[in-house]
Amino acid sequence: MPALNVEFSDRELEDLRQIAKERGTSMKALVREAAAADIARHRALQEGAEAFRRFFSAHAEEFAAAFPEDERPGRSQGRAA
């Protein structure tokens, strides 16, 4: 399995040791769990942003009609002929 060396300050390392001890886990497991949680959060945010873009694109004309003051100047209303 690939590995990654990560440097921590003395304070960060001590904090990690303390947290791992409190949770009854190893520092390695603690760091892996934190990284996995961040990866999952990042993917969820990307998926959410993509779902919003699709929704907004599908309803762009409705948003433009409901919030005309938010439309950029010079942007044509509706579709081009």
N, C-alpha and C. Protein backbone atom coordinates (compact mmCIF):
# COMPACT_ATOMS: atom_id res chain seq x y z
N MET A 1 0.86 -1.18 0.00
CA MET A 1 0.00 0.00 0.00
C MET A 1 0.89 1.24 0.00
N PRO A 2 0.56 2.22 -0.82
CA PRO A 2 1.35 3.46 -0.84
C PRO A 2 1.30 4.15 0.52
N ALA A 3 2.34 4.89 0.81
CA ALA A 3 2.43 5.59 2.09
C ALA A 3 2.76 7.06 1.84
N LEU A 4 2.54 7.86 2.85
CA LEU A 4 2.79 9.29 2.78
C LEU A 4 3.41 9.74 4.09
N ASN A 5 4.53 10.41 4.01
CA ASN A 5 5.14 10.98 5.21
C ASN A 5 4.61 12.39 5.38
N VAL A 6 4.14 12.68 6.56
CA VAL A 6 3.57 14.00 6.85
C VAL A 6 4.31 14.58 8.04
N GLU A 7 4.71 15.83 7.90
CA GLU A 7 5.41 16.51 9.00
C GLU A 7 4.42 17.33 9.81
N PHE A 8 4.59 17.27 11.13
CA PHE A 8 3.77 18.04 12.06
C PHE A 8 4.68 18.82 12.98
N SER A 9 4.16 19.93 13.46
CA SER A 9 4.90 20.66 14.49
C SER A 9 4.86 19.84 15.78
N ASP A 10 5.73 20.19 16.72
CA ASP A 10 5.73 19.49 18.01
C ASP A 10 4.36 19.58 18.68
N ARG A 11 3.76 20.75 18.61
CA ARG A 11 2.44 20.96 19.23
C ARG A 11 1.38 20.10 18.55
N GLU A 12 1.37 20.09 17.22
CA GLU A 12 0.40 19.28 16.48
C GLU A 12 0.57 17.80 16.80
N LEU A 13 1.80 17.34 16.85
CA LEU A 13 2.07 15.95 17.14
C LEU A 13 1.60 15.58 18.55
N GLU A 14 1.85 16.45 19.50
CA GLU A 14 1.39 16.20 20.87
C GLU A 14 -0.14 16.17 20.92
N ASP A 15 -0.78 17.10 20.22
CA ASP A 15 -2.25 17.11 20.17
C ASP A 15 -2.78 15.82 19.55
N LEU A 16 -2.15 15.37 18.47
CA LEU A 16 -2.57 14.11 17.84
C LEU A 16 -2.42 12.93 18.79
N ARG A 17 -1.31 12.89 19.50
CA ARG A 17 -1.11 11.82 20.48
C ARG A 17 -2.21 11.82 21.53
N GLN A 18 -2.51 13.00 22.04
CA GLN A 18 -3.53 13.12 23.08
C GLN A 18 -4.90 12.71 22.56
N ILE A 19 -5.26 13.16 21.38
CA ILE A 19 -6.57 12.81 20.81
C ILE A 19 -6.66 11.31 20.56
N ALA A 20 -5.60 10.73 19.99
CA ALA A 20 -5.58 9.29 19.74
C ALA A 20 -5.73 8.52 21.05
N LYS A 21 -5.04 8.97 22.07
CA LYS A 21 -5.13 8.31 23.37
C LYS A 21 -6.55 8.39 23.92
N GLU A 22 -7.16 9.58 23.85
CA GLU A 22 -8.53 9.76 24.33
C GLU A 22 -9.53 8.88 23.60
N ARG A 23 -9.29 8.69 22.31
CA ARG A 23 -10.20 7.87 21.50
C ARG A 23 -9.85 6.38 21.52
N GLY A 24 -8.75 6.05 22.12
CA GLY A 24 -8.34 4.67 22.19
C GLY A 24 -7.95 4.10 20.84
N THR A 25 -7.29 4.90 20.05
CA THR A 25 -6.88 4.48 18.71
C THR A 25 -5.43 4.87 18.48
N SER A 26 -4.89 4.44 17.37
CA SER A 26 -3.51 4.81 17.05
C SER A 26 -3.49 6.15 16.32
N MET A 27 -2.34 6.78 16.33
CA MET A 27 -2.20 8.05 15.60
C MET A 27 -2.40 7.82 14.11
N LYS A 28 -1.88 6.71 13.62
CA LYS A 28 -2.03 6.38 12.20
C LYS A 28 -3.51 6.27 11.83
N ALA A 29 -4.28 5.55 12.65
CA ALA A 29 -5.71 5.40 12.38
C ALA A 29 -6.43 6.75 12.47
N LEU A 30 -6.04 7.56 13.45
CA LEU A 30 -6.65 8.88 13.62
C LEU A 30 -6.44 9.75 12.38
N VAL A 31 -5.20 9.79 11.88
CA VAL A 31 -4.89 10.61 10.71
C VAL A 31 -5.58 10.06 9.46
N ARG A 32 -5.61 8.73 9.31
CA ARG A 32 -6.30 8.14 8.16
C ARG A 32 -7.78 8.45 8.20
N GLU A 33 -8.41 8.36 9.37
CA GLU A 33 -9.84 8.67 9.50
C GLU A 33 -10.11 10.13 9.16
N ALA A 34 -9.23 11.02 9.62
CA ALA A 34 -9.41 12.45 9.33
C ALA A 34 -9.28 12.71 7.82
N ALA A 35 -8.30 12.07 7.18
CA ALA A 35 -8.13 12.25 5.75
C ALA A 35 -9.31 11.67 4.98
N ALA A 36 -9.77 10.49 5.39
CA ALA A 36 -10.92 9.87 4.72
C ALA A 36 -12.17 10.73 4.86
N ALA A 37 -12.37 11.31 6.03
CA ALA A 37 -13.53 12.18 6.26
C ALA A 37 -13.44 13.43 5.39
N ASP A 38 -12.25 13.98 5.24
CA ASP A 38 -12.09 15.17 4.42
C ASP A 38 -12.31 14.84 2.94
N ILE A 39 -11.84 13.68 2.50
CA ILE A 39 -12.07 13.25 1.12
C ILE A 39 -13.57 13.10 0.87
N ALA A 40 -14.28 12.45 1.78
CA ALA A 40 -15.72 12.26 1.63
C ALA A 40 -16.45 13.60 1.61
N ARG A 41 -16.06 14.53 2.47
CA ARG A 41 -16.67 15.86 2.51
C ARG A 41 -16.41 16.60 1.20
N HIS A 42 -15.19 16.50 0.69
CA HIS A 42 -14.84 17.16 -0.57
C HIS A 42 -15.67 16.60 -1.72
N ARG A 43 -15.79 15.29 -1.80
CA ARG A 43 -16.61 14.67 -2.86
C ARG A 43 -18.07 15.09 -2.75
N ALA A 44 -18.59 15.12 -1.53
CA ALA A 44 -19.99 15.52 -1.33
C ALA A 44 -20.21 16.97 -1.76
N LEU A 45 -19.26 17.84 -1.45
CA LEU A 45 -19.38 19.23 -1.87
C LEU A 45 -19.32 19.36 -3.38
N GLN A 46 -18.44 18.60 -4.02
CA GLN A 46 -18.37 18.62 -5.48
C GLN A 46 -19.68 18.14 -6.10
N GLU A 47 -20.21 17.03 -5.57
CA GLU A 47 -21.47 16.50 -6.09
C GLU A 47 -22.62 17.48 -5.86
N GLY A 48 -22.65 18.10 -4.70
CA GLY A 48 -23.68 19.10 -4.42
C GLY A 48 -23.59 20.29 -5.34
N ALA A 49 -22.37 20.76 -5.58
CA ALA A 49 -22.18 21.90 -6.48
C ALA A 49 -22.62 21.54 -7.89
N GLU A 50 -22.30 20.33 -8.33
CA GLU A 50 -22.71 19.90 -9.68
C GLU A 50 -24.23 19.78 -9.78
N ALA A 51 -24.86 19.25 -8.74
CA ALA A 51 -26.32 19.15 -8.74
C ALA A 51 -26.95 20.55 -8.78
N PHE A 52 -26.37 21.49 -8.04
CA PHE A 52 -26.88 22.87 -8.07
C PHE A 52 -26.72 23.47 -9.45
N ARG A 53 -25.54 23.27 -10.08
CA ARG A 53 -25.33 23.82 -11.43
C ARG A 53 -26.35 23.26 -12.41
N ARG A 54 -26.60 21.95 -12.34
CA ARG A 54 -27.59 21.35 -13.24
C ARG A 54 -28.98 21.93 -12.99
N PHE A 55 -29.35 22.05 -11.72
CA PHE A 55 -30.66 22.59 -11.37
C PHE A 55 -30.78 24.03 -11.83
N PHE A 56 -29.75 24.84 -11.55
CA PHE A 56 -29.80 26.24 -11.92
C PHE A 56 -29.87 26.40 -13.43
N SER A 57 -29.09 25.61 -14.17
CA SER A 57 -29.12 25.68 -15.63
C SER A 57 -30.49 25.31 -16.17
N ALA A 58 -31.09 24.28 -15.59
CA ALA A 58 -32.40 23.83 -16.05
C ALA A 58 -33.49 24.87 -15.76
N HIS A 59 -33.27 25.73 -14.77
CA HIS A 59 -34.28 26.71 -14.35
C HIS A 59 -33.78 28.15 -14.50
N ALA A 60 -32.80 28.37 -15.35
CA ALA A 60 -32.20 29.70 -15.49
C ALA A 60 -33.22 30.76 -15.87
N GLU A 61 -34.10 30.45 -16.79
CA GLU A 61 -35.08 31.45 -17.21
C GLU A 61 -36.05 31.79 -16.08
N GLU A 62 -36.41 30.80 -15.28
CA GLU A 62 -37.29 31.05 -14.14
C GLU A 62 -36.60 31.95 -13.11
N PHE A 63 -35.30 31.68 -12.85
CA PHE A 63 -34.56 32.53 -11.93
C PHE A 63 -34.44 33.95 -12.47
N ALA A 64 -34.19 34.08 -13.76
CA ALA A 64 -34.06 35.41 -14.38
C ALA A 64 -35.36 36.19 -14.26
N ALA A 65 -36.47 35.51 -14.47
CA ALA A 65 -37.77 36.18 -14.37
C ALA A 65 -38.10 36.56 -12.92
N ALA A 66 -37.74 35.70 -11.99
CA ALA A 66 -38.06 35.95 -10.58
C ALA A 66 -37.14 36.98 -9.94
N PHE A 67 -35.90 37.08 -10.44
CA PHE A 67 -34.92 37.99 -9.85
C PHE A 67 -34.24 38.82 -10.94
N PRO A 68 -35.00 39.65 -11.64
CA PRO A 68 -34.41 40.42 -12.75
C PRO A 68 -33.30 41.36 -12.31
N GLU A 69 -33.36 41.85 -11.07
CA GLU A 69 -32.33 42.77 -10.59
C GLU A 69 -30.98 42.09 -10.44
N ASP A 70 -30.97 40.76 -10.42
CA ASP A 70 -29.71 40.03 -10.29
C ASP A 70 -29.10 39.64 -11.64
N GLU A 71 -29.79 39.94 -12.72
CA GLU A 71 -29.27 39.61 -14.05
C GLU A 71 -28.13 40.56 -14.42
N ARG A 72 -27.14 40.03 -15.10
CA ARG A 72 -26.02 40.85 -15.55
C ARG A 72 -26.47 41.78 -16.67
N PRO A 73 -26.01 43.04 -16.65
CA PRO A 73 -26.37 43.96 -17.73
C PRO A 73 -25.87 43.43 -19.07
N GLY A 74 -26.72 43.60 -20.10
CA GLY A 74 -26.32 43.18 -21.43
C GLY A 74 -26.61 41.73 -21.73
N ARG A 75 -27.00 40.99 -20.73
CA ARG A 75 -27.32 39.58 -20.95
C ARG A 75 -28.72 39.52 -21.54
N SER A 76 -28.85 38.83 -22.66
CA SER A 76 -30.15 38.76 -23.33
C SER A 76 -31.08 37.90 -22.53
N GLN A 77 -32.34 38.33 -22.49
CA GLN A 77 -33.36 37.55 -21.81
C GLN A 77 -33.85 36.45 -22.74
N GLY A 78 -34.00 35.27 -22.22
CA GLY A 78 -34.46 34.16 -23.04
C GLY A 78 -33.36 33.63 -23.92
N ARG A 79 -33.74 32.83 -24.90
CA ARG A 79 -32.76 32.22 -25.79
C ARG A 79 -32.60 33.05 -27.06
N ALA A 80 -31.41 32.97 -27.64
CA ALA A 80 -31.14 33.70 -28.89
C ALA A 80 -31.89 33.04 -30.03
N ALA A 81 -32.30 33.85 -31.00
CA ALA A 81 -33.06 33.34 -32.14
C ALA A 81 -32.18 32.63 -33.12
